N, C-alpha and C. Protein backbone atom coordinates (compact mmCIF):
# COMPACT_ATOMS: atom_id res chain seq x y z
N MET A 1 288.58 -70.05 72.30
CA MET A 1 289.00 -69.06 72.28
C MET A 1 288.30 -67.45 72.97
N THR A 2 289.16 -66.55 73.20
CA THR A 2 288.53 -65.64 74.00
C THR A 2 288.60 -63.99 73.43
N ALA A 3 289.17 -64.13 71.97
CA ALA A 3 289.01 -63.10 71.59
C ALA A 3 288.82 -63.39 70.08
N GLN A 4 288.28 -62.68 68.97
CA GLN A 4 287.93 -62.61 67.59
C GLN A 4 288.70 -61.33 67.25
N ALA A 5 289.16 -61.03 65.62
CA ALA A 5 289.31 -59.87 65.22
C ALA A 5 289.49 -60.10 63.60
N TRP A 6 289.21 -59.03 62.53
CA TRP A 6 289.11 -59.18 61.73
C TRP A 6 288.87 -57.52 61.01
N PHE A 7 289.61 -57.72 59.93
CA PHE A 7 289.75 -56.27 59.44
C PHE A 7 288.70 -55.73 58.81
N ASP A 8 288.18 -54.65 58.32
CA ASP A 8 287.13 -54.30 57.74
C ASP A 8 287.30 -54.57 55.89
N GLU A 9 288.29 -54.77 55.18
CA GLU A 9 288.42 -55.09 54.09
C GLU A 9 289.47 -56.02 53.85
N GLN A 10 288.95 -56.52 52.11
CA GLN A 10 290.23 -57.70 52.05
C GLN A 10 291.91 -57.38 51.72
N GLN A 11 291.41 -56.02 51.48
CA GLN A 11 292.99 -55.78 50.73
C GLN A 11 292.98 -53.92 50.66
N TYR A 12 294.16 -53.74 50.95
CA TYR A 12 294.07 -51.76 51.12
C TYR A 12 295.52 -51.55 50.17
N GLU A 13 295.24 -50.49 49.29
CA GLU A 13 296.45 -49.86 48.29
C GLU A 13 297.01 -48.98 49.14
N VAL A 14 298.01 -48.54 49.07
CA VAL A 14 298.90 -47.44 49.51
C VAL A 14 300.37 -47.19 48.95
N ALA A 15 300.49 -46.38 48.17
CA ALA A 15 302.06 -45.72 47.76
C ALA A 15 302.97 -45.71 48.79
N PRO A 16 304.16 -45.90 48.30
CA PRO A 16 305.52 -45.65 49.09
C PRO A 16 305.45 -44.01 50.17
N GLY A 17 305.76 -43.80 51.12
CA GLY A 17 305.37 -42.21 51.52
C GLY A 17 304.27 -42.06 51.76
N GLY A 18 303.15 -42.63 51.51
CA GLY A 18 301.50 -42.31 52.01
C GLY A 18 301.12 -43.15 52.83
N MET A 19 300.05 -43.26 53.19
CA MET A 19 299.36 -43.77 54.47
C MET A 19 298.37 -44.26 53.99
N VAL A 20 297.54 -45.66 55.00
CA VAL A 20 296.17 -45.40 54.65
C VAL A 20 296.15 -46.14 56.44
N VAL A 21 294.58 -45.98 56.33
CA VAL A 21 294.51 -46.25 57.84
C VAL A 21 293.06 -47.52 57.58
N ALA A 22 293.47 -48.59 58.08
CA ALA A 22 292.31 -49.96 58.31
C ALA A 22 291.89 -49.62 59.10
N THR A 23 290.98 -50.68 59.53
CA THR A 23 289.88 -50.74 60.43
C THR A 23 290.06 -52.32 60.99
N LEU A 24 290.58 -52.61 62.34
CA LEU A 24 290.41 -53.84 62.76
C LEU A 24 289.47 -53.28 63.84
N SER A 25 288.45 -54.68 64.02
CA SER A 25 287.87 -55.10 64.68
C SER A 25 287.92 -56.02 65.61
N VAL A 26 287.77 -55.69 67.18
CA VAL A 26 288.25 -56.70 68.00
C VAL A 26 287.10 -57.07 68.82
N SER A 27 286.91 -58.51 69.00
CA SER A 27 285.78 -59.19 70.03
C SER A 27 286.08 -59.89 71.65
N ASN A 28 285.17 -59.16 72.12
CA ASN A 28 285.84 -60.39 73.26
C ASN A 28 284.84 -61.58 73.22
N LEU A 29 285.17 -62.75 73.51
CA LEU A 29 284.17 -63.75 73.30
C LEU A 29 283.78 -64.41 74.63
N SER A 30 284.85 -63.91 75.48
CA SER A 30 284.53 -64.49 76.88
C SER A 30 283.45 -64.02 78.07
N ALA A 31 283.38 -64.90 79.07
CA ALA A 31 282.24 -64.23 79.80
C ALA A 31 282.81 -62.98 80.76
N THR A 32 284.03 -63.12 80.61
CA THR A 32 284.66 -62.02 81.60
C THR A 32 285.23 -60.98 81.06
N SER A 33 285.36 -59.79 81.71
CA SER A 33 286.36 -58.80 81.19
C SER A 33 287.80 -59.28 80.90
N GLY A 34 288.54 -58.52 79.33
CA GLY A 34 289.46 -59.03 79.10
C GLY A 34 290.07 -57.67 78.62
N THR A 35 291.62 -57.73 78.93
CA THR A 35 292.68 -57.14 78.52
C THR A 35 293.21 -57.44 76.99
N PHE A 36 293.38 -57.00 76.01
CA PHE A 36 294.38 -57.41 74.58
C PHE A 36 295.30 -56.84 74.38
N SER A 37 296.23 -57.17 74.02
CA SER A 37 297.43 -56.56 73.45
C SER A 37 297.69 -56.76 71.70
N ILE A 38 297.65 -56.02 70.82
CA ILE A 38 297.45 -56.37 69.66
C ILE A 38 298.80 -55.30 69.12
N THR A 39 299.40 -56.57 68.31
CA THR A 39 300.89 -56.34 67.50
C THR A 39 300.60 -56.84 66.01
N PRO A 40 301.48 -56.15 65.68
CA PRO A 40 301.41 -56.33 63.87
C PRO A 40 302.76 -57.52 63.87
N LEU A 41 302.49 -58.12 62.61
CA LEU A 41 303.00 -59.12 62.06
C LEU A 41 303.63 -59.41 60.62
N GLY A 42 304.56 -60.07 60.44
CA GLY A 42 305.11 -60.11 58.73
C GLY A 42 306.11 -59.20 58.29
N LEU A 43 306.31 -59.30 57.17
CA LEU A 43 307.07 -57.82 56.69
C LEU A 43 306.69 -56.78 56.81
N ALA A 44 305.56 -56.45 56.58
CA ALA A 44 305.05 -54.83 56.68
C ALA A 44 304.91 -54.21 58.38
N ALA A 45 305.05 -55.30 59.24
CA ALA A 45 305.03 -54.84 60.77
C ALA A 45 305.82 -53.88 60.61
N ASN A 46 307.24 -53.14 60.47
CA ASN A 46 308.07 -52.32 60.47
C ASN A 46 307.25 -51.00 60.44
N TYR A 47 306.30 -51.06 59.47
CA TYR A 47 305.88 -49.79 58.77
C TYR A 47 304.75 -49.50 59.50
N VAL A 48 303.89 -50.59 60.35
CA VAL A 48 302.57 -50.47 60.76
C VAL A 48 302.25 -50.03 62.51
N THR A 49 301.46 -49.32 62.49
CA THR A 49 301.02 -48.84 64.09
C THR A 49 299.87 -49.13 64.36
N VAL A 50 299.51 -49.86 65.16
CA VAL A 50 298.10 -49.79 65.68
C VAL A 50 297.73 -48.86 66.84
N THR A 51 296.67 -48.56 67.03
CA THR A 51 296.20 -47.28 68.05
C THR A 51 294.77 -47.33 68.31
N PRO A 52 294.60 -48.24 69.78
CA PRO A 52 295.07 -48.34 70.57
C PRO A 52 296.23 -49.69 70.43
N ALA A 53 297.20 -50.23 70.98
CA ALA A 53 297.84 -51.08 71.15
C ALA A 53 297.27 -52.33 71.98
N VAL A 54 296.66 -51.98 72.91
CA VAL A 54 295.78 -52.58 74.32
C VAL A 54 294.87 -52.08 74.76
N VAL A 55 293.62 -53.15 74.52
CA VAL A 55 292.29 -52.49 74.94
C VAL A 55 291.89 -53.28 75.70
N THR A 56 290.51 -52.99 76.70
CA THR A 56 290.16 -53.59 77.76
C THR A 56 288.47 -53.61 76.78
N LEU A 57 288.15 -54.89 77.33
CA LEU A 57 286.84 -55.06 76.48
C LEU A 57 285.91 -56.19 77.85
N PHE A 58 284.61 -55.30 77.72
CA PHE A 58 283.37 -55.98 78.63
C PHE A 58 283.06 -57.30 77.77
N PRO A 59 282.44 -58.46 78.86
CA PRO A 59 281.79 -59.92 77.76
C PRO A 59 281.14 -59.34 76.43
N ASN A 60 281.70 -59.31 75.71
CA ASN A 60 280.83 -60.00 74.23
C ASN A 60 280.74 -58.19 73.98
N GLU A 61 281.94 -57.63 74.26
CA GLU A 61 282.13 -56.40 73.48
C GLU A 61 282.92 -56.42 72.76
N GLN A 62 282.67 -55.48 71.89
CA GLN A 62 283.36 -55.36 70.31
C GLN A 62 284.12 -53.62 70.27
N THR A 63 285.31 -53.42 69.97
CA THR A 63 285.78 -52.23 69.38
C THR A 63 286.31 -52.23 68.16
N ASP A 64 286.82 -50.91 67.56
CA ASP A 64 287.29 -51.07 66.63
C ASP A 64 288.72 -50.73 67.04
N VAL A 65 289.69 -50.97 65.96
CA VAL A 65 291.00 -50.02 66.60
C VAL A 65 291.81 -49.55 65.02
N ALA A 66 292.63 -48.60 64.91
CA ALA A 66 293.00 -47.88 63.76
C ALA A 66 294.45 -48.71 63.71
N VAL A 67 294.64 -49.03 62.14
CA VAL A 67 295.76 -49.92 61.89
C VAL A 67 296.44 -48.86 60.72
N GLU A 68 297.48 -48.11 61.43
CA GLU A 68 298.14 -46.97 60.49
C GLU A 68 299.38 -48.12 59.24
N ILE A 69 298.85 -47.92 58.42
CA ILE A 69 300.06 -48.57 57.18
C ILE A 69 300.90 -47.53 56.68
N ARG A 70 302.17 -46.80 56.79
CA ARG A 70 302.60 -46.16 56.19
C ARG A 70 303.77 -46.80 55.90
N PRO A 71 304.18 -47.29 54.43
CA PRO A 71 305.49 -47.75 53.79
C PRO A 71 306.47 -46.88 53.33
N PRO A 72 308.07 -47.00 53.75
CA PRO A 72 308.71 -45.84 53.61
C PRO A 72 308.69 -45.46 52.00
N LEU A 73 309.13 -44.43 51.73
CA LEU A 73 310.04 -43.86 50.31
C LEU A 73 311.09 -44.69 50.06
N SER A 74 311.17 -45.82 50.03
CA SER A 74 312.32 -46.32 49.86
C SER A 74 312.62 -47.36 48.96
N PRO A 75 313.70 -47.73 47.90
CA PRO A 75 313.82 -49.09 47.38
C PRO A 75 313.46 -50.27 48.01
N SER A 76 313.97 -50.47 49.22
CA SER A 76 313.77 -51.32 49.70
C SER A 76 312.28 -51.85 50.19
N THR A 77 311.05 -50.55 49.77
CA THR A 77 310.00 -51.32 49.83
C THR A 77 309.12 -51.77 48.62
N THR A 78 309.06 -53.22 48.47
CA THR A 78 308.94 -54.05 47.56
C THR A 78 307.29 -53.93 47.10
N ALA A 79 307.54 -53.50 45.84
CA ALA A 79 306.17 -53.13 44.93
C ALA A 79 305.51 -54.33 44.91
N GLY A 80 304.07 -54.33 44.81
CA GLY A 80 303.05 -55.42 44.74
C GLY A 80 302.12 -55.65 45.85
N LEU A 81 301.89 -56.88 45.90
CA LEU A 81 301.07 -57.49 47.21
C LEU A 81 301.57 -58.08 48.53
N THR A 82 301.57 -57.59 49.19
CA THR A 82 302.02 -58.02 50.80
C THR A 82 301.12 -58.50 51.71
N SER A 83 301.56 -59.51 52.63
CA SER A 83 300.30 -59.23 53.48
C SER A 83 300.43 -58.96 55.22
N LEU A 84 299.44 -58.90 55.73
CA LEU A 84 299.93 -58.03 57.10
C LEU A 84 298.79 -58.83 57.93
N ALA A 85 299.29 -59.21 59.23
CA ALA A 85 298.67 -60.09 60.03
C ALA A 85 298.58 -59.44 61.53
N VAL A 86 297.78 -59.50 62.07
CA VAL A 86 297.63 -58.66 63.49
C VAL A 86 297.59 -59.95 64.60
N ARG A 87 297.92 -59.95 65.66
CA ARG A 87 298.04 -61.08 66.69
C ARG A 87 297.29 -60.15 67.80
N VAL A 88 296.05 -60.81 68.25
CA VAL A 88 295.82 -60.21 69.39
C VAL A 88 295.64 -61.37 70.78
N VAL A 89 296.36 -60.45 71.99
CA VAL A 89 297.09 -61.83 72.63
C VAL A 89 296.24 -61.51 74.11
N PRO A 90 295.16 -61.71 74.59
CA PRO A 90 294.59 -61.92 76.12
C PRO A 90 295.86 -62.02 77.00
N HIS A 91 295.51 -60.63 78.07
CA HIS A 91 296.43 -60.97 78.84
C HIS A 91 296.47 -62.13 80.27
N GLU A 92 295.02 -62.74 80.53
CA GLU A 92 294.63 -63.28 81.08
C GLU A 92 295.09 -64.84 80.97
N ASN A 93 295.55 -65.03 79.72
CA ASN A 93 295.23 -66.29 78.80
C ASN A 93 296.02 -65.88 77.23
N PRO A 94 297.53 -66.06 77.56
CA PRO A 94 298.41 -65.57 76.99
C PRO A 94 298.39 -66.69 75.52
N ASP A 95 298.43 -67.67 75.48
CA ASP A 95 298.45 -68.74 74.71
C ASP A 95 297.28 -68.81 73.69
N ASP A 96 296.12 -68.24 74.49
CA ASP A 96 294.78 -68.23 73.40
C ASP A 96 294.69 -66.86 72.33
N LEU A 97 295.29 -67.23 71.45
CA LEU A 97 295.94 -66.22 70.60
C LEU A 97 294.84 -66.24 69.40
N ALA A 98 294.34 -64.92 68.99
CA ALA A 98 293.40 -64.69 67.68
C ALA A 98 294.45 -63.67 66.43
N PHE A 99 294.28 -64.08 65.52
CA PHE A 99 294.78 -63.30 64.42
C PHE A 99 293.65 -62.65 63.54
N ALA A 100 294.33 -61.92 62.65
CA ALA A 100 293.57 -61.22 61.70
C ALA A 100 294.17 -60.90 60.57
N GLU A 101 294.12 -60.82 59.01
CA GLU A 101 294.80 -60.90 57.88
C GLU A 101 294.09 -60.19 57.14
N THR A 102 294.96 -59.16 56.43
CA THR A 102 294.79 -58.73 54.90
C THR A 102 296.10 -58.34 54.40
N GLY A 103 295.61 -57.85 53.07
CA GLY A 103 296.50 -57.64 51.97
C GLY A 103 296.74 -56.24 51.89
N ILE A 104 297.76 -55.90 51.29
CA ILE A 104 298.39 -54.55 51.58
C ILE A 104 298.89 -54.40 49.63
N GLU A 105 298.54 -53.92 49.08
CA GLU A 105 299.28 -53.76 47.71
C GLU A 105 299.24 -52.29 47.48
N ILE A 106 300.71 -52.33 47.57
CA ILE A 106 301.86 -51.26 47.37
C ILE A 106 302.16 -50.89 46.03
N THR A 107 302.27 -49.64 45.54
CA THR A 107 301.91 -49.05 44.18
C THR A 107 303.32 -49.04 43.98
N GLU A 108 303.79 -48.93 42.60
CA GLU A 108 305.24 -48.56 42.29
C GLU A 108 305.64 -47.00 42.39
N PHE A 109 306.78 -46.87 42.37
CA PHE A 109 307.26 -45.53 42.18
C PHE A 109 308.75 -45.43 41.59
N LEU A 110 308.48 -44.10 40.46
CA LEU A 110 310.21 -44.01 39.89
C LEU A 110 311.01 -43.16 40.67
N GLU A 111 312.14 -43.34 40.58
CA GLU A 111 313.02 -42.15 41.09
C GLU A 111 314.56 -42.16 40.40
N GLN A 112 314.78 -41.71 39.39
CA GLN A 112 315.81 -41.70 39.07
C GLN A 112 316.90 -41.06 38.65
N ARG A 113 318.49 -41.07 38.55
CA ARG A 113 319.13 -39.92 38.37
C ARG A 113 320.02 -40.60 37.35
N MET A 114 320.53 -39.74 36.56
CA MET A 114 321.84 -39.70 35.86
C MET A 114 322.68 -38.90 35.87
N THR A 115 324.07 -39.33 36.24
CA THR A 115 325.27 -38.65 36.61
C THR A 115 325.95 -38.81 35.66
N MET A 116 327.04 -37.78 35.33
CA MET A 116 328.05 -37.99 34.13
C MET A 116 329.09 -38.00 35.23
N VAL A 117 329.96 -39.14 35.22
CA VAL A 117 331.43 -39.20 36.27
C VAL A 117 332.70 -38.48 35.89
N GLN A 118 332.78 -38.48 34.62
CA GLN A 118 333.65 -37.06 34.01
C GLN A 118 333.13 -36.32 33.37
N PRO A 119 332.39 -35.07 34.02
CA PRO A 119 331.80 -34.30 33.03
C PRO A 119 332.56 -33.41 32.10
N VAL A 120 333.84 -32.89 32.36
CA VAL A 120 334.75 -31.82 31.30
C VAL A 120 335.86 -32.86 31.16
N VAL A 121 335.96 -33.19 29.81
CA VAL A 121 337.04 -33.85 28.91
C VAL A 121 337.47 -32.98 27.90
N ARG A 122 338.74 -32.81 27.96
CA ARG A 122 339.44 -31.99 26.64
C ARG A 122 340.33 -33.31 25.79
N SER A 123 340.33 -33.39 24.41
CA SER A 123 340.61 -33.79 23.64
C SER A 123 340.51 -33.76 22.55
N ARG A 124 341.77 -34.24 21.27
CA ARG A 124 341.22 -33.71 19.87
C ARG A 124 341.08 -35.17 19.00
N ARG A 125 340.93 -36.13 19.57
CA ARG A 125 340.26 -37.28 18.90
C ARG A 125 339.15 -37.77 19.75
N ASN A 126 339.78 -38.71 20.78
CA ASN A 126 339.01 -39.52 21.68
C ASN A 126 338.47 -39.33 23.06
N ALA A 127 337.96 -39.30 23.60
CA ALA A 127 337.11 -39.00 25.19
C ALA A 127 336.55 -40.36 25.47
N THR A 128 336.88 -40.55 26.83
CA THR A 128 335.75 -41.96 27.22
C THR A 128 335.20 -40.81 28.48
N PHE A 129 333.60 -40.96 28.77
CA PHE A 129 332.86 -40.53 29.72
C PHE A 129 332.01 -41.80 30.32
N GLU A 130 332.17 -41.84 31.71
CA GLU A 130 330.71 -42.69 32.59
C GLU A 130 329.82 -42.12 32.41
N VAL A 131 329.06 -42.72 33.00
CA VAL A 131 327.54 -42.29 33.39
C VAL A 131 326.83 -43.42 34.19
N THR A 132 326.62 -42.94 35.48
CA THR A 132 326.09 -43.71 36.58
C THR A 132 324.23 -43.14 36.54
N ILE A 133 323.79 -44.10 36.52
CA ILE A 133 322.09 -44.42 37.00
C ILE A 133 322.05 -44.77 38.20
N GLU A 134 321.15 -44.23 38.97
CA GLU A 134 321.05 -44.56 40.18
C GLU A 134 319.44 -44.77 40.06
N ASN A 135 319.01 -45.75 40.74
CA ASN A 135 317.60 -46.49 40.61
C ASN A 135 316.97 -46.35 42.14
N ASN A 136 316.39 -45.30 42.39
CA ASN A 136 315.96 -44.52 43.83
C ASN A 136 314.56 -45.25 43.97
N GLY A 137 313.88 -46.18 43.04
CA GLY A 137 311.95 -46.23 42.70
C GLY A 137 312.36 -47.43 43.45
N ASN A 138 311.20 -48.31 43.35
CA ASN A 138 310.93 -49.38 44.21
C ASN A 138 310.46 -50.81 43.12
N ARG A 139 311.26 -50.59 41.95
CA ARG A 139 310.83 -51.55 40.94
C ARG A 139 312.16 -51.19 39.98
N ALA A 140 312.53 -52.30 38.88
CA ALA A 140 313.62 -52.60 37.95
C ALA A 140 313.42 -51.48 36.89
N THR A 141 314.33 -50.65 36.65
CA THR A 141 313.91 -49.93 35.35
C THR A 141 315.12 -50.20 33.98
N ASN A 142 314.35 -50.70 33.19
CA ASN A 142 315.53 -50.84 31.92
C ASN A 142 315.26 -49.31 31.23
N LEU A 143 316.41 -48.80 30.91
CA LEU A 143 317.06 -47.63 30.05
C LEU A 143 317.42 -48.00 28.87
N ARG A 144 317.40 -47.39 27.60
CA ARG A 144 317.78 -47.32 26.48
C ARG A 144 318.85 -45.65 26.30
N LEU A 145 319.54 -46.12 26.36
CA LEU A 145 320.93 -44.57 26.01
C LEU A 145 320.72 -44.01 24.75
N HIS A 146 320.75 -42.65 24.68
CA HIS A 146 321.03 -42.60 22.90
C HIS A 146 321.91 -40.97 23.18
N TYR A 147 322.85 -40.93 21.92
CA TYR A 147 323.87 -39.50 22.08
C TYR A 147 323.12 -39.00 21.30
N LEU A 148 322.75 -37.76 21.48
CA LEU A 148 321.90 -36.65 20.52
C LEU A 148 322.86 -35.33 20.78
N GLU A 149 323.30 -34.98 19.61
CA GLU A 149 324.04 -33.50 19.03
C GLU A 149 323.95 -33.23 18.31
N PRO A 150 323.10 -31.85 18.54
CA PRO A 150 321.95 -31.11 17.26
C PRO A 150 323.09 -30.70 16.21
N THR A 151 324.44 -30.42 16.43
CA THR A 151 325.29 -29.97 15.50
C THR A 151 325.88 -30.84 14.26
N SER A 152 325.67 -32.35 14.96
CA SER A 152 326.54 -33.61 13.96
C SER A 152 328.16 -33.26 13.94
N THR A 153 328.59 -32.45 14.76
CA THR A 153 330.02 -32.69 14.63
C THR A 153 330.79 -33.40 15.55
N THR A 154 330.29 -34.24 16.47
CA THR A 154 330.56 -35.41 16.94
C THR A 154 330.03 -36.69 16.76
N GLU A 155 330.75 -37.65 17.11
CA GLU A 155 329.81 -39.26 17.42
C GLU A 155 330.33 -39.35 18.80
N ALA A 156 329.25 -40.39 18.63
CA ALA A 156 329.10 -41.39 20.29
C ALA A 156 328.93 -42.96 20.01
N THR A 157 329.61 -43.83 20.50
CA THR A 157 329.05 -44.98 21.04
C THR A 157 329.30 -45.39 22.21
N ILE A 158 327.79 -45.79 23.06
CA ILE A 158 326.87 -45.97 24.18
C ILE A 158 327.17 -47.37 24.46
N GLU A 159 328.09 -48.24 25.41
CA GLU A 159 328.21 -49.48 25.67
C GLU A 159 327.67 -49.47 27.34
N PRO A 160 326.97 -50.24 27.62
CA PRO A 160 326.36 -50.62 26.81
C PRO A 160 324.92 -50.06 26.52
N PRO A 161 324.59 -50.17 25.16
CA PRO A 161 323.08 -49.57 24.67
C PRO A 161 321.90 -49.52 25.70
N SER A 162 321.59 -50.41 26.16
CA SER A 162 320.33 -50.36 27.28
C SER A 162 320.76 -50.90 28.72
N ILE A 163 320.02 -50.64 29.34
CA ILE A 163 320.56 -51.24 31.00
C ILE A 163 319.82 -51.46 31.57
N VAL A 164 319.98 -52.33 32.45
CA VAL A 164 318.42 -52.47 33.74
C VAL A 164 319.08 -52.55 34.96
N VAL A 165 318.86 -51.66 35.75
CA VAL A 165 318.99 -51.06 36.96
C VAL A 165 317.84 -51.45 37.79
N GLU A 166 318.24 -52.48 38.95
CA GLU A 166 317.33 -52.99 40.07
C GLU A 166 317.33 -51.96 41.20
N PRO A 167 316.07 -51.73 41.98
CA PRO A 167 315.38 -51.29 42.96
C PRO A 167 317.11 -51.14 44.06
N GLY A 168 317.30 -49.85 43.91
CA GLY A 168 318.44 -49.86 44.97
C GLY A 168 319.94 -50.05 44.70
N THR A 169 319.92 -50.00 43.22
CA THR A 169 321.39 -50.02 42.99
C THR A 169 321.73 -48.91 42.17
N THR A 170 323.01 -48.81 41.38
CA THR A 170 323.62 -48.00 40.58
C THR A 170 324.02 -49.05 39.30
N GLY A 171 323.68 -48.11 38.12
CA GLY A 171 324.42 -48.74 36.85
C GLY A 171 325.46 -47.87 36.35
N ILE A 172 326.34 -48.61 35.79
CA ILE A 172 327.35 -47.64 34.71
C ILE A 172 327.10 -47.89 33.43
N ALA A 173 327.40 -46.57 32.42
CA ALA A 173 327.18 -47.19 31.00
C ALA A 173 328.90 -46.07 30.52
């Protein structure tokens, strides 16, 4: 093994749309100078940037590398714990890899929008309205819908009375 790598913490917490900088330490264990490429792996690799991505180290030298974690503010960014791994590849011997791994706790966020599909209907007796509920957050949302009318001149029945809308989807009532 010509290199060793480790993160300064076991786990990091970050909100979608936010950023956290992790510190990765890389050490050259060989008796000669070496150049190493550092690349992120796993599901989190799409929103991770390593700076610098290539380091050159003298024998037994160690350096710190900044690993920026920026999960997008999107329903596809799943809330909860995920892992982040980085691969350290020596240019002189690409088969002699080193890996470091840490956890990323992505927090939940809610973003919901409710829209009347048919906002104006004139009728003497009955009318049917549809309401769409968009869930742009990163966790499922469970909603109970109620009809409130302060003058009590109209009545309504909502079907279904409760609805579960998964992240990135739309429900209709």
